[in-house]
Amino acid sequence: MVICNPPYILIGNLSCLHIPELKTSWTRAKRECALLDVPGDLAIINDCSLLRTTKEYIDYVLGLTDENFWIGGTDTDTEGTWVWERTGEPVPMGVPFWHPYQPDGDADENKLTMATHGLFADGNENELYRFICQEYSD
């Protein structure tokens, strides 16, 4: 059984997440997650169930149907090679994670978002979006 420390909540019995009200750049979002009372990082979403239940929580509990959210993926080091920044592991590509025709930003969009439709899209790291922090046990 997963037990989350405040301010994180258990989403889909899969992961402890926190979605602050702040809109900010990807870099500051990452820093904000690390500064929580229980430090975390931008979320890693490698599971379709977690992707779906996170989107449902955002839509139906928070009522934020028109927001993009920063999560922890990047292709800054190698254009087109998406990895989770925290672990270096590959980000799942294509359906069912990515929106069709994404990623499409070339060198201008090197950070990962969960877009308004609930799928991955690339974004410019200076855009101001809300973000999803994830609690880690290590």
C-alpha atoms as a PDB file:
ATOM      1  CA  MET A   1       0.000   0.000   0.000  1.00  0.00           C
ATOM      2  CA  VAL A   2       1.323   3.424  -0.978  1.00  0.00           C
ATOM      3  CA  ILE A   3       1.258   6.114   1.719  1.00  0.00           C
ATOM      4  CA  CYS A   4       1.822   9.720   0.673  1.00  0.00           C
ATOM      5  CA  ASN A   5       3.262  12.496   2.809  1.00  0.00           C
ATOM      6  CA  PRO A   6       1.519  15.891   2.711  1.00  0.00           C
ATOM      7  CA  PRO A   7       1.162  17.817   0.445  1.00  0.00           C
ATOM      8  CA  TYR A   8       1.150  14.819  -1.903  1.00  0.00           C
ATOM      9  CA  ILE A   9      -1.967  12.771  -2.570  1.00  0.00           C
ATOM     10  CA  LEU A  10      -2.283   9.256  -3.905  1.00  0.00           C
ATOM     11  CA  ILE A  11      -3.457   9.216  -7.521  1.00  0.00           C
ATOM     12  CA  GLY A  12      -4.921   5.975  -8.886  1.00  0.00           C
ATOM     13  CA  ASN A  13      -3.283   3.939  -6.104  1.00  0.00           C
ATOM     14  CA  LEU A  14      -0.117   4.382  -8.166  1.00  0.00           C
ATOM     15  CA  SER A  15       1.845   7.501  -7.246  1.00  0.00           C
ATOM     16  CA  CYS A  16       2.038  10.390  -4.791  1.00  0.00           C
ATOM     17  CA  LEU A  17       1.515  13.641  -6.679  1.00  0.00           C
ATOM     18  CA  HIS A  18       1.075  17.323  -5.820  1.00  0.00           C
ATOM     19  CA  ILE A  19      -0.160  20.014  -8.188  1.00  0.00           C
ATOM     20  CA  PRO A  20       0.697  23.516  -6.924  1.00  0.00           C
ATOM     21  CA  GLU A  21      -1.355  26.531  -8.002  1.00  0.00           C
ATOM     22  CA  LEU A  22       1.715  28.383  -9.320  1.00  0.00           C
ATOM     23  CA  LYS A  23       2.280  28.841 -13.068  1.00  0.00           C
ATOM     24  CA  THR A  24       5.970  29.009 -13.905  1.00  0.00           C
ATOM     25  CA  SER A  25       8.767  27.910 -16.226  1.00  0.00           C
ATOM     26  CA  TRP A  26       9.943  24.290 -16.356  1.00  0.00           C
ATOM     27  CA  THR A  27      13.192  25.066 -14.508  1.00  0.00           C
ATOM     28  CA  ARG A  28      11.459  26.908 -11.680  1.00  0.00           C
ATOM     29  CA  ALA A  29       8.786  24.199 -11.487  1.00  0.00           C
ATOM     30  CA  LYS A  30      11.537  21.627 -10.941  1.00  0.00           C
ATOM     31  CA  ARG A  31      13.049  23.803  -8.205  1.00  0.00           C
ATOM     32  CA  GLU A  32       9.636  24.325  -6.554  1.00  0.00           C
ATOM     33  CA  CYS A  33       9.109  20.554  -6.334  1.00  0.00           C
ATOM     34  CA  ALA A  34      12.508  20.167  -4.652  1.00  0.00           C
ATOM     35  CA  LEU A  35      11.636  22.892  -2.109  1.00  0.00           C
ATOM     36  CA  LEU A  36       8.479  21.216  -0.792  1.00  0.00           C
ATOM     37  CA  ASP A  37       8.500  20.087   2.864  1.00  0.00           C
ATOM     38  CA  VAL A  38       8.825  16.562   1.493  1.00  0.00           C
ATOM     39  CA  PRO A  39      11.065  17.146  -1.545  1.00  0.00           C
ATOM     40  CA  GLY A  40      10.042  15.762  -4.895  1.00  0.00           C
ATOM     41  CA  ASP A  41      10.674  16.294  -8.574  1.00  0.00           C
ATOM     42  CA  LEU A  42       8.631  16.856 -11.681  1.00  0.00           C
ATOM     43  CA  ALA A  43       6.499  13.775 -12.265  1.00  0.00           C
ATOM     44  CA  ILE A  44       7.531  10.717 -14.218  1.00  0.00           C
ATOM     45  CA  ILE A  45       4.463   9.180 -15.876  1.00  0.00           C
ATOM     46  CA  ASN A  46       5.428   5.840 -17.446  1.00  0.00           C
ATOM     47  CA  ASP A  47       2.098   4.101 -16.926  1.00  0.00           C
ATOM     48  CA  CYS A  48      -1.120   4.542 -18.948  1.00  0.00           C
ATOM     49  CA  SER A  49      -3.243   4.106 -15.818  1.00  0.00           C
ATOM     50  CA  LEU A  50      -1.336   6.865 -14.041  1.00  0.00           C
ATOM     51  CA  LEU A  51      -1.658   9.114 -17.091  1.00  0.00           C
ATOM     52  CA  ARG A  52      -5.427   8.552 -17.200  1.00  0.00           C
ATOM     53  CA  THR A  53      -6.073   8.903 -13.470  1.00  0.00           C
ATOM     54  CA  THR A  54      -3.909  12.033 -13.241  1.00  0.00           C
ATOM     55  CA  LYS A  55      -5.889  13.630 -16.069  1.00  0.00           C
ATOM     56  CA  GLU A  56      -9.178  12.613 -14.400  1.00  0.00           C
ATOM     57  CA  TYR A  57      -8.014  14.142 -11.103  1.00  0.00           C
ATOM     58  CA  ILE A  58      -7.022  17.379 -12.885  1.00  0.00           C
ATOM     59  CA  ASP A  59     -10.336  17.573 -14.779  1.00  0.00           C
ATOM     60  CA  TYR A  60     -12.877  16.331 -12.258  1.00  0.00           C
ATOM     61  CA  VAL A  61     -11.393  17.142  -8.856  1.00  0.00           C
ATOM     62  CA  LEU A  62      -9.410  20.295  -9.624  1.00  0.00           C
ATOM     63  CA  GLY A  63     -11.653  21.410 -12.496  1.00  0.00           C
ATOM     64  CA  LEU A  64      -8.654  22.454 -14.614  1.00  0.00           C
ATOM     65  CA  THR A  65      -9.657  21.305 -18.087  1.00  0.00           C
ATOM     66  CA  ASP A  66      -7.797  24.053 -19.994  1.00  0.00           C
ATOM     67  CA  GLU A  67      -4.350  23.869 -18.407  1.00  0.00           C
ATOM     68  CA  ASN A  68      -0.989  22.471 -19.484  1.00  0.00           C
ATOM     69  CA  PHE A  69       1.256  20.943 -16.805  1.00  0.00           C
ATOM     70  CA  TRP A  70       5.017  20.542 -16.730  1.00  0.00           C
ATOM     71  CA  ILE A  71       6.263  17.011 -16.054  1.00  0.00           C
ATOM     72  CA  GLY A  72       9.801  15.681 -15.859  1.00  0.00           C
ATOM     73  CA  GLY A  73      10.792  14.815 -19.434  1.00  0.00           C
ATOM     74  CA  THR A  74      13.335  16.553 -21.669  1.00  0.00           C
ATOM     75  CA  ASP A  75      15.182  16.169 -24.953  1.00  0.00           C
ATOM     76  CA  THR A  76      17.637  19.005 -24.221  1.00  0.00           C
ATOM     77  CA  ASP A  77      20.752  16.785 -24.357  1.00  0.00           C
ATOM     78  CA  THR A  78      19.876  15.069 -27.652  1.00  0.00           C
ATOM     79  CA  GLU A  79      17.149  16.532 -29.840  1.00  0.00           C
ATOM     80  CA  GLY A  80      14.403  13.958 -30.384  1.00  0.00           C
ATOM     81  CA  THR A  81      15.614  11.600 -27.637  1.00  0.00           C
ATOM     82  CA  TRP A  82      13.184  12.109 -24.765  1.00  0.00           C
ATOM     83  CA  VAL A  83      14.285  11.028 -21.289  1.00  0.00           C
ATOM     84  CA  TRP A  84      13.061  11.547 -17.752  1.00  0.00           C
ATOM     85  CA  GLU A  85      15.449  14.197 -16.489  1.00  0.00           C
ATOM     86  CA  ARG A  86      15.641  12.740 -12.983  1.00  0.00           C
ATOM     87  CA  THR A  87      16.552   9.187 -14.022  1.00  0.00           C
ATOM     88  CA  GLY A  88      17.799   9.347 -17.623  1.00  0.00           C
ATOM     89  CA  GLU A  89      15.322   6.583 -18.522  1.00  0.00           C
ATOM     90  CA  PRO A  90      13.484   6.924 -21.857  1.00  0.00           C
ATOM     91  CA  VAL A  91      10.093   8.615 -21.997  1.00  0.00           C
ATOM     92  CA  PRO A  92       7.509   6.340 -23.669  1.00  0.00           C
ATOM     93  CA  MET A  93       6.930   7.538 -27.234  1.00  0.00           C
ATOM     94  CA  GLY A  94       3.878   7.510 -29.486  1.00  0.00           C
ATOM     95  CA  VAL A  95       0.357   6.353 -28.729  1.00  0.00           C
ATOM     96  CA  PRO A  96      -1.047   6.120 -26.065  1.00  0.00           C
ATOM     97  CA  PHE A  97       1.170   8.684 -24.336  1.00  0.00           C
ATOM     98  CA  TRP A  98       1.791  11.399 -26.940  1.00  0.00           C
ATOM     99  CA  HIS A  99      -0.723  13.542 -28.742  1.00  0.00           C
ATOM    100  CA  PRO A 100      -0.681  12.893 -32.527  1.00  0.00           C
ATOM    101  CA  TYR A 101       1.958  14.938 -34.363  1.00  0.00           C
ATOM    102  CA  GLN A 102       3.912  15.419 -31.135  1.00  0.00           C
ATOM    103  CA  PRO A 103       6.681  16.078 -30.389  1.00  0.00           C
ATOM    104  CA  ASP A 104       6.922  18.837 -32.980  1.00  0.00           C
ATOM    105  CA  GLY A 105       8.962  21.682 -31.498  1.00  0.00           C
ATOM    106  CA  ASP A 106      12.483  20.864 -32.628  1.00  0.00           C
ATOM    107  CA  ALA A 107      15.103  22.763 -30.592  1.00  0.00           C
ATOM    108  CA  ASP A 108      12.553  25.357 -29.425  1.00  0.00           C
ATOM    109  CA  GLU A 109      10.502  22.911 -27.349  1.00  0.00           C
ATOM    110  CA  ASN A 110      12.644  20.644 -25.198  1.00  0.00           C
ATOM    111  CA  LYS A 111      10.534  20.073 -22.094  1.00  0.00           C
ATOM    112  CA  LEU A 112       7.609  17.735 -21.562  1.00  0.00           C
ATOM    113  CA  THR A 113       4.043  18.767 -20.777  1.00  0.00           C
ATOM    114  CA  MET A 114       0.853  16.962 -20.017  1.00  0.00           C
ATOM    115  CA  ALA A 115      -1.268  19.098 -22.311  1.00  0.00           C
ATOM    116  CA  THR A 116      -4.922  20.089 -21.952  1.00  0.00           C
ATOM    117  CA  HIS A 117      -6.059  16.894 -23.723  1.00  0.00           C
ATOM    118  CA  GLY A 118      -4.203  14.738 -21.179  1.00  0.00           C
ATOM    119  CA  LEU A 119      -1.469  13.521 -23.507  1.00  0.00           C
ATOM    120  CA  PHE A 120       2.218  14.408 -23.769  1.00  0.00           C
ATOM    121  CA  ALA A 121       3.386  17.352 -25.860  1.00  0.00           C
ATOM    122  CA  ASP A 122       6.682  19.193 -26.079  1.00  0.00           C
ATOM    123  CA  GLY A 123       6.862  22.740 -24.766  1.00  0.00           C
ATOM    124  CA  ASN A 124       9.186  25.718 -24.579  1.00  0.00           C
ATOM    125  CA  GLU A 125      10.731  25.699 -21.109  1.00  0.00           C
ATOM    126  CA  ASN A 126       9.997  29.407 -20.606  1.00  0.00           C
ATOM    127  CA  GLU A 127       6.233  29.035 -20.978  1.00  0.00           C
ATOM    128  CA  LEU A 128       4.311  29.535 -17.739  1.00  0.00           C
ATOM    129  CA  TYR A 129       2.389  26.377 -16.878  1.00  0.00           C
ATOM    130  CA  ARG A 130       1.227  24.674 -13.712  1.00  0.00           C
ATOM    131  CA  PHE A 131       3.217  21.565 -12.850  1.00  0.00           C
ATOM    132  CA  ILE A 132       2.991  18.127 -11.287  1.00  0.00           C
ATOM    133  CA  CYS A 133       5.388  17.184  -8.489  1.00  0.00           C
ATOM    134  CA  GLN A 134       5.995  13.568  -7.516  1.00  0.00           C
ATOM    135  CA  GLU A 135       7.176  12.313  -4.142  1.00  0.00           C
ATOM    136  CA  TYR A 136      10.181   9.988  -4.207  1.00  0.00           C
ATOM    137  CA  SER A 137      11.315   7.590  -1.519  1.00  0.00           C
ATOM    138  CA  ASP A 138      15.068   7.978  -2.125  1.00  0.00           C
END
